[in-house]
Amino acid sequence: CPLGLWGVIATRQRWQVLWLQYLLLLSMIAAVVLFF
């Protein structure tokens, strides 16, 4: 998780290419948190 977080930060300038991956990741985290 820390390595992945740094990867997100380090590649942020390519957000126009990667924004789907950001949304997939954030929505899956939210889905897990909302249940158990």
All heavy atoms as atom14 arrays in JSON, in Angstrom:
{
  "sequence": "CPLGLWGVIATRQRWQVLWLQYLLLLSMIAAVVLFF",
  "atom14_mask": [
    [1, 1, 1, 1, 1, 1, 0, 0, 0, 0, 0, 0, 0, 0],
    [1, 1, 1, 1, 1, 1, 1, 0, 0, 0, 0, 0, 0, 0],
    [1, 1, 1, 1, 1, 1, 1, 1, 0, 0, 0, 0, 0, 0],
    [1, 1, 1, 1, 0, 0, 0, 0, 0, 0, 0, 0, 0, 0],
    [1, 1, 1, 1, 1, 1, 1, 1, 0, 0, 0, 0, 0, 0],
    [1, 1, 1, 1, 1, 1, 1, 1, 1, 1, 1, 1, 1, 1],
    [1, 1, 1, 1, 0, 0, 0, 0, 0, 0, 0, 0, 0, 0],
    [1, 1, 1, 1, 1, 1, 1, 0, 0, 0, 0, 0, 0, 0],
    [1, 1, 1, 1, 1, 1, 1, 1, 0, 0, 0, 0, 0, 0],
    [1, 1, 1, 1, 1, 0, 0, 0, 0, 0, 0, 0, 0, 0],
    [1, 1, 1, 1, 1, 1, 1, 0, 0, 0, 0, 0, 0, 0],
    [1, 1, 1, 1, 1, 1, 1, 1, 1, 1, 1, 0, 0, 0],
    [1, 1, 1, 1, 1, 1, 1, 1, 1, 0, 0, 0, 0, 0],
    [1, 1, 1, 1, 1, 1, 1, 1, 1, 1, 1, 0, 0, 0],
    [1, 1, 1, 1, 1, 1, 1, 1, 1, 1, 1, 1, 1, 1],
    [1, 1, 1, 1, 1, 1, 1, 1, 1, 0, 0, 0, 0, 0],
    [1, 1, 1, 1, 1, 1, 1, 0, 0, 0, 0, 0, 0, 0],
    [1, 1, 1, 1, 1, 1, 1, 1, 0, 0, 0, 0, 0, 0],
    [1, 1, 1, 1, 1, 1, 1, 1, 1, 1, 1, 1, 1, 1],
    [1, 1, 1, 1, 1, 1, 1, 1, 0, 0, 0, 0, 0, 0],
    [1, 1, 1, 1, 1, 1, 1, 1, 1, 0, 0, 0, 0, 0],
    [1, 1, 1, 1, 1, 1, 1, 1, 1, 1, 1, 1, 0, 0],
    [1, 1, 1, 1, 1, 1, 1, 1, 0, 0, 0, 0, 0, 0],
    [1, 1, 1, 1, 1, 1, 1, 1, 0, 0, 0, 0, 0, 0],
    [1, 1, 1, 1, 1, 1, 1, 1, 0, 0, 0, 0, 0, 0],
    [1, 1, 1, 1, 1, 1, 1, 1, 0, 0, 0, 0, 0, 0],
    [1, 1, 1, 1, 1, 1, 0, 0, 0, 0, 0, 0, 0, 0],
    [1, 1, 1, 1, 1, 1, 1, 1, 0, 0, 0, 0, 0, 0],
    [1, 1, 1, 1, 1, 1, 1, 1, 0, 0, 0, 0, 0, 0],
    [1, 1, 1, 1, 1, 0, 0, 0, 0, 0, 0, 0, 0, 0],
    [1, 1, 1, 1, 1, 0, 0, 0, 0, 0, 0, 0, 0, 0],
    [1, 1, 1, 1, 1, 1, 1, 0, 0, 0, 0, 0, 0, 0],
    [1, 1, 1, 1, 1, 1, 1, 0, 0, 0, 0, 0, 0, 0],
    [1, 1, 1, 1, 1, 1, 1, 1, 0, 0, 0, 0, 0, 0],
    [1, 1, 1, 1, 1, 1, 1, 1, 1, 1, 1, 0, 0, 0],
    [1, 1, 1, 1, 1, 1, 1, 1, 1, 1, 1, 0, 0, 0]
  ],
  "atom14_positions": [
    [[0.81, -1.22, 0.0], [0.0, 0.0, 0.0], [0.85, 1.28, 0.0], [0.6, 2.18, -0.81], [-0.97, -0.02, 1.18], [-2.19, 1.3, 1.15], [0.0, 0.0, 0.0], [0.0, 0.0, 0.0], [0.0, 0.0, 0.0], [0.0, 0.0, 0.0], [0.0, 0.0, 0.0], [0.0, 0.0, 0.0], [0.0, 0.0, 0.0], [0.0, 0.0, 0.0]],
    [[1.87, 1.41, 0.87], [2.72, 2.61, 0.79], [3.42, 2.76, -0.56], [3.51, 3.87, -1.09], [3.74, 2.39, 1.92], [3.03, 1.53, 2.9], [2.21, 0.6, 2.06], [0.0, 0.0, 0.0], [0.0, 0.0, 0.0], [0.0, 0.0, 0.0], [0.0, 0.0, 0.0], [0.0, 0.0, 0.0], [0.0, 0.0, 0.0], [0.0, 0.0, 0.0]],
    [[3.91, 1.65, -1.11], [4.55, 1.73, -2.43], [3.55, 2.16, -3.5], [3.86, 2.96, -4.4], [5.15, 0.37, -2.81], [6.4, -0.06, -2.02], [6.79, -1.49, -2.4], [7.56, 0.9, -2.27], [0.0, 0.0, 0.0], [0.0, 0.0, 0.0], [0.0, 0.0, 0.0], [0.0, 0.0, 0.0], [0.0, 0.0, 0.0], [0.0, 0.0, 0.0]],
    [[2.32, 1.62, -3.41], [1.28, 2.02, -4.37], [0.93, 3.48, -4.23], [0.71, 4.18, -5.24], [0.0, 0.0, 0.0], [0.0, 0.0, 0.0], [0.0, 0.0, 0.0], [0.0, 0.0, 0.0], [0.0, 0.0, 0.0], [0.0, 0.0, 0.0], [0.0, 0.0, 0.0], [0.0, 0.0, 0.0], [0.0, 0.0, 0.0], [0.0, 0.0, 0.0]],
    [[0.85, 3.97, -2.99], [0.56, 5.39, -2.77], [1.64, 6.27, -3.39], [1.34, 7.27, -4.05], [0.46, 5.67, -1.27], [0.29, 7.14, -0.87], [-1.0, 7.71, -1.44], [0.33, 7.29, 0.65], [0.0, 0.0, 0.0], [0.0, 0.0, 0.0], [0.0, 0.0, 0.0], [0.0, 0.0, 0.0], [0.0, 0.0, 0.0], [0.0, 0.0, 0.0]],
    [[2.91, 5.88, -3.19], [3.98, 6.67, -3.79], [3.9, 6.6, -5.32], [4.16, 7.6, -6.0], [5.35, 6.22, -3.31], [6.43, 7.02, -3.99], [7.3, 6.61, -4.94], [6.67, 8.42, -3.8], [8.1, 7.64, -5.37], [7.72, 8.78, -4.68], [6.1, 9.4, -3.0], [8.22, 10.08, -4.75], [6.6, 10.71, -3.07], [7.64, 11.04, -3.94]],
    [[3.53, 5.45, -5.85], [3.38, 5.34, -7.3], [2.31, 6.28, -7.84], [2.48, 6.89, -8.9], [0.0, 0.0, 0.0], [0.0, 0.0, 0.0], [0.0, 0.0, 0.0], [0.0, 0.0, 0.0], [0.0, 0.0, 0.0], [0.0, 0.0, 0.0], [0.0, 0.0, 0.0], [0.0, 0.0, 0.0], [0.0, 0.0, 0.0], [0.0, 0.0, 0.0]],
    [[1.2, 6.39, -7.11], [0.14, 7.33, -7.52], [0.67, 8.76, -7.51], [0.42, 9.54, -8.45], [-1.09, 7.19, -6.59], [-2.09, 8.31, -6.84], [-1.76, 5.83, -6.79], [0.0, 0.0, 0.0], [0.0, 0.0, 0.0], [0.0, 0.0, 0.0], [0.0, 0.0, 0.0], [0.0, 0.0, 0.0], [0.0, 0.0, 0.0], [0.0, 0.0, 0.0]],
    [[1.41, 9.12, -6.45], [1.96, 10.48, -6.35], [2.99, 10.73, -7.45], [2.99, 11.78, -8.11], [2.59, 10.69, -4.96], [1.5, 10.65, -3.87], [3.35, 12.01, -4.9], [2.05, 10.63, -2.46], [0.0, 0.0, 0.0], [0.0, 0.0, 0.0], [0.0, 0.0, 0.0], [0.0, 0.0, 0.0], [0.0, 0.0, 0.0], [0.0, 0.0, 0.0]],
    [[3.87, 9.76, -7.66], [4.97, 9.95, -8.62], [4.48, 10.04, -10.06], [5.14, 10.65, -10.91], [5.97, 8.79, -8.48], [0.0, 0.0, 0.0], [0.0, 0.0, 0.0], [0.0, 0.0, 0.0], [0.0, 0.0, 0.0], [0.0, 0.0, 0.0], [0.0, 0.0, 0.0], [0.0, 0.0, 0.0], [0.0, 0.0, 0.0], [0.0, 0.0, 0.0]],
    [[3.33, 9.43, -10.36], [2.82, 9.42, -11.75], [1.66, 10.38, -11.92], [0.93, 10.3, -12.92], [2.38, 8.0, -12.13], [1.34, 7.56, -11.24], [3.53, 7.01, -12.06], [0.0, 0.0, 0.0], [0.0, 0.0, 0.0], [0.0, 0.0, 0.0], [0.0, 0.0, 0.0], [0.0, 0.0, 0.0], [0.0, 0.0, 0.0], [0.0, 0.0, 0.0]],
    [[1.47, 11.3, -10.98], [0.28, 12.17, -11.01], [0.23, 13.06, -12.25], [-0.86, 13.48, -12.66], [0.23, 13.03, -9.75], [1.37, 14.02, -9.61], [1.4, 14.64, -8.22], [2.47, 15.63, -8.06], [3.73, 15.33, -7.83], [4.1, 14.06, -7.74], [4.64, 16.29, -7.69], [0.0, 0.0, 0.0], [0.0, 0.0, 0.0], [0.0, 0.0, 0.0]],
    [[1.38, 13.37, -12.84], [1.38, 14.22, -14.03], [0.72, 13.53, -15.22], [0.33, 14.19, -16.19], [2.81, 14.63, -14.39], [3.43, 15.57, -13.34], [4.84, 15.99, -13.71], [5.5, 15.34, -14.53], [5.31, 17.07, -13.1], [0.0, 0.0, 0.0], [0.0, 0.0, 0.0], [0.0, 0.0, 0.0], [0.0, 0.0, 0.0], [0.0, 0.0, 0.0]],
    [[0.56, 12.2, -15.13], [-0.09, 11.45, -16.22], [-1.56, 11.15, -15.88], [-2.13, 10.18, -16.35], [0.67, 10.14, -16.47], [2.13, 10.37, -16.85], [2.82, 9.07, -17.24], [2.21, 8.47, -18.41], [1.66, 7.26, -18.45], [1.6, 6.53, -17.34], [1.15, 6.79, -19.56], [0.0, 0.0, 0.0], [0.0, 0.0, 0.0], [0.0, 0.0, 0.0]],
    [[-2.18, 12.0, -15.07], [-3.54, 11.73, -14.59], [-4.54, 11.6, -15.72], [-5.53, 10.88, -15.6], [-3.97, 12.82, -13.61], [-4.19, 14.18, -14.24], [-3.28, 15.17, -14.38], [-5.41, 14.65, -14.83], [-3.83, 16.24, -15.02], [-5.15, 15.96, -15.31], [-6.68, 14.12, -15.01], [-6.11, 16.73, -15.95], [-7.65, 14.88, -15.65], [-7.37, 16.17, -16.11]],
    [[-4.31, 12.31, -16.84], [-5.26, 12.23, -17.95], [-5.3, 10.83, -18.57], [-6.29, 10.44, -19.17], [-4.91, 13.27, -19.02], [-5.18, 14.7, -18.55], [-4.8, 15.73, -19.59], [-3.7, 15.67, -20.18], [-5.68, 16.67, -19.85], [0.0, 0.0, 0.0], [0.0, 0.0, 0.0], [0.0, 0.0, 0.0], [0.0, 0.0, 0.0], [0.0, 0.0, 0.0]],
    [[-4.2, 10.09, -18.42], [-4.13, 8.72, -18.92], [-4.62, 7.74, -17.85], [-5.22, 6.71, -18.16], [-2.69, 8.37, -19.35], [-2.58, 6.9, -19.75], [-2.24, 9.27, -20.48], [0.0, 0.0, 0.0], [0.0, 0.0, 0.0], [0.0, 0.0, 0.0], [0.0, 0.0, 0.0], [0.0, 0.0, 0.0], [0.0, 0.0, 0.0], [0.0, 0.0, 0.0]],
    [[-4.39, 8.1, -16.59], [-4.58, 7.14, -15.49], [-5.86, 7.36, -14.69], [-6.1, 6.63, -13.72], [-3.38, 7.22, -14.53], [-2.01, 6.87, -15.12], [-0.92, 7.18, -14.12], [-1.96, 5.4, -15.52], [0.0, 0.0, 0.0], [0.0, 0.0, 0.0], [0.0, 0.0, 0.0], [0.0, 0.0, 0.0], [0.0, 0.0, 0.0], [0.0, 0.0, 0.0]],
    [[-6.71, 8.32, -15.06], [-7.82, 8.65, -14.16], [-8.82, 7.5, -14.02], [-9.48, 7.37, -12.98], [-8.5, 9.96, -14.56], [-9.24, 9.99, -15.86], [-8.74, 10.35, -17.07], [-10.63, 9.72, -16.07], [-9.71, 10.31, -18.04], [-10.89, 9.93, -17.44], [-11.69, 9.33, -15.26], [-12.15, 9.75, -18.01], [-12.95, 9.16, -15.82], [-13.17, 9.36, -17.17]],
    [[-8.94, 6.64, -15.03], [-9.81, 5.48, -14.85], [-9.27, 4.58, -13.74], [-10.04, 4.1, -12.89], [-9.92, 4.68, -16.16], [-10.71, 3.36, -16.01], [-12.17, 3.62, -15.65], [-10.62, 2.53, -17.28], [0.0, 0.0, 0.0], [0.0, 0.0, 0.0], [0.0, 0.0, 0.0], [0.0, 0.0, 0.0], [0.0, 0.0, 0.0], [0.0, 0.0, 0.0]],
    [[-7.96, 4.36, -13.73], [-7.37, 3.52, -12.69], [-7.57, 4.14, -11.3], [-7.84, 3.42, -10.33], [-5.87, 3.31, -12.96], [-5.56, 2.28, -14.03], [-5.98, 2.73, -15.43], [-5.9, 3.93, -15.76], [-6.41, 1.79, -16.25], [0.0, 0.0, 0.0], [0.0, 0.0, 0.0], [0.0, 0.0, 0.0], [0.0, 0.0, 0.0], [0.0, 0.0, 0.0]],
    [[-7.48, 5.48, -11.22], [-7.76, 6.14, -9.95], [-9.19, 5.87, -9.49], [-9.43, 5.55, -8.32], [-7.57, 7.67, -10.07], [-6.19, 8.13, -10.42], [-6.0, 9.36, -11.07], [-5.05, 7.39, -10.1], [-4.73, 9.83, -11.39], [-3.78, 7.84, -10.42], [-3.63, 9.05, -11.07], [-2.38, 9.51, -11.39], [0.0, 0.0, 0.0], [0.0, 0.0, 0.0]],
    [[-10.14, 6.01, -10.41], [-11.55, 5.82, -10.06], [-11.83, 4.37, -9.67], [-12.6, 4.11, -8.73], [-12.45, 6.25, -11.22], [-12.58, 7.76, -11.44], [-13.46, 8.03, -12.65], [-13.15, 8.45, -10.21], [0.0, 0.0, 0.0], [0.0, 0.0, 0.0], [0.0, 0.0, 0.0], [0.0, 0.0, 0.0], [0.0, 0.0, 0.0], [0.0, 0.0, 0.0]],
    [[-11.26, 3.43, -10.41], [-11.45, 2.02, -10.07], [-10.94, 1.74, -8.66], [-11.6, 1.05, -7.86], [-10.74, 1.12, -11.08], [-11.26, 1.12, -12.52], [-10.38, 0.24, -13.4], [-12.71, 0.65, -12.59], [0.0, 0.0, 0.0], [0.0, 0.0, 0.0], [0.0, 0.0, 0.0], [0.0, 0.0, 0.0], [0.0, 0.0, 0.0], [0.0, 0.0, 0.0]],
    [[-9.77, 2.27, -8.35], [-9.16, 2.03, -7.05], [-9.97, 2.66, -5.92], [-10.31, 2.01, -4.92], [-7.73, 2.58, -7.06], [-6.89, 2.38, -5.8], [-6.75, 0.92, -5.46], [-5.52, 3.03, -6.0], [0.0, 0.0, 0.0], [0.0, 0.0, 0.0], [0.0, 0.0, 0.0], [0.0, 0.0, 0.0], [0.0, 0.0, 0.0], [0.0, 0.0, 0.0]],
    [[-10.33, 3.93, -6.08], [-11.06, 4.64, -5.03], [-12.45, 4.06, -4.81], [-12.91, 3.93, -3.67], [-11.16, 6.13, -5.37], [-9.85, 6.92, -5.29], [-10.05, 8.35, -5.81], [-9.33, 6.96, -3.85], [0.0, 0.0, 0.0], [0.0, 0.0, 0.0], [0.0, 0.0, 0.0], [0.0, 0.0, 0.0], [0.0, 0.0, 0.0], [0.0, 0.0, 0.0]],
    [[-13.14, 3.71, -5.9], [-14.49, 3.17, -5.75], [-14.46, 1.78, -5.12], [-15.36, 1.43, -4.34], [-15.21, 3.12, -7.11], [-14.48, 2.35, -8.05], [0.0, 0.0, 0.0], [0.0, 0.0, 0.0], [0.0, 0.0, 0.0], [0.0, 0.0, 0.0], [0.0, 0.0, 0.0], [0.0, 0.0, 0.0], [0.0, 0.0, 0.0], [0.0, 0.0, 0.0]],
    [[-13.43, 0.98, -5.38], [-13.33, -0.33, -4.74], [-13.04, -0.18, -3.25], [-13.61, -0.91, -2.42], [-12.26, -1.18, -5.43], [-12.12, -2.59, -4.85], [-13.66, -3.54, -4.75], [-14.09, -3.72, -6.49], [0.0, 0.0, 0.0], [0.0, 0.0, 0.0], [0.0, 0.0, 0.0], [0.0, 0.0, 0.0], [0.0, 0.0, 0.0], [0.0, 0.0, 0.0]],
    [[-12.16, 0.75, -2.89], [-11.91, 1.0, -1.47], [-13.2, 1.42, -0.78], [-13.54, 0.93, 0.31], [-10.82, 2.08, -1.3], [-9.47, 1.54, -1.77], [-10.74, 2.55, 0.16], [-8.37, 2.59, -1.8], [0.0, 0.0, 0.0], [0.0, 0.0, 0.0], [0.0, 0.0, 0.0], [0.0, 0.0, 0.0], [0.0, 0.0, 0.0], [0.0, 0.0, 0.0]],
    [[-13.95, 2.32, -1.41], [-15.23, 2.79, -0.84], [-16.21, 1.64, -0.69], [-16.92, 1.53, 0.32], [-15.82, 3.89, -1.71], [0.0, 0.0, 0.0], [0.0, 0.0, 0.0], [0.0, 0.0, 0.0], [0.0, 0.0, 0.0], [0.0, 0.0, 0.0], [0.0, 0.0, 0.0], [0.0, 0.0, 0.0], [0.0, 0.0, 0.0], [0.0, 0.0, 0.0]],
    [[-16.26, 0.75, -1.68], [-17.19, -0.38, -1.63], [-16.87, -1.31, -0.47], [-17.78, -1.83, 0.18], [-17.14, -1.15, -2.96], [0.0, 0.0, 0.0], [0.0, 0.0, 0.0], [0.0, 0.0, 0.0], [0.0, 0.0, 0.0], [0.0, 0.0, 0.0], [0.0, 0.0, 0.0], [0.0, 0.0, 0.0], [0.0, 0.0, 0.0], [0.0, 0.0, 0.0]],
    [[-15.59, -1.52, -0.2], [-15.2, -2.38, 0.91], [-15.52, -1.71, 2.24], [-16.09, -2.32, 3.15], [-13.7, -2.75, 0.83], [-13.28, -3.58, 2.02], [-13.42, -3.51, -0.47], [0.0, 0.0, 0.0], [0.0, 0.0, 0.0], [0.0, 0.0, 0.0], [0.0, 0.0, 0.0], [0.0, 0.0, 0.0], [0.0, 0.0, 0.0], [0.0, 0.0, 0.0]],
    [[-15.19, -0.43, 2.36], [-15.43, 0.3, 3.6], [-16.92, 0.39, 3.92], [-17.33, 0.29, 5.08], [-14.8, 1.71, 3.53], [-15.24, 2.57, 4.7], [-13.28, 1.61, 3.5], [0.0, 0.0, 0.0], [0.0, 0.0, 0.0], [0.0, 0.0, 0.0], [0.0, 0.0, 0.0], [0.0, 0.0, 0.0], [0.0, 0.0, 0.0], [0.0, 0.0, 0.0]],
    [[-17.75, 0.55, 2.92], [-19.18, 0.71, 3.14], [-19.84, -0.57, 3.66], [-20.92, -0.5, 4.25], [-19.88, 1.16, 1.86], [-19.82, 2.65, 1.56], [-20.33, 2.94, 0.16], [-20.61, 3.45, 2.6], [0.0, 0.0, 0.0], [0.0, 0.0, 0.0], [0.0, 0.0, 0.0], [0.0, 0.0, 0.0], [0.0, 0.0, 0.0], [0.0, 0.0, 0.0]],
    [[-19.22, -1.7, 3.44], [-19.8, -2.96, 3.9], [-18.98, -3.47, 5.1], [-19.08, -2.94, 6.18], [-19.9, -3.96, 2.75], [-20.97, -3.58, 1.76], [-20.73, -2.64, 0.76], [-22.23, -4.14, 1.85], [-21.74, -2.28, -0.13], [-23.25, -3.79, 0.96], [-22.99, -2.85, -0.03], [0.0, 0.0, 0.0], [0.0, 0.0, 0.0], [0.0, 0.0, 0.0]],
    [[-18.2, -4.51, 4.94], [-17.36, -4.99, 6.05], [-16.05, -5.52, 5.47], [-15.94, -5.78, 4.28], [-18.07, -6.04, 6.91], [-18.68, -7.17, 6.13], [-17.93, -8.26, 5.75], [-20.03, -7.15, 5.79], [-18.49, -9.31, 5.03], [-20.61, -8.19, 5.08], [-19.84, -9.27, 4.7], [0.0, 0.0, 0.0], [0.0, 0.0, 0.0], [0.0, 0.0, 0.0]]
  ]
}
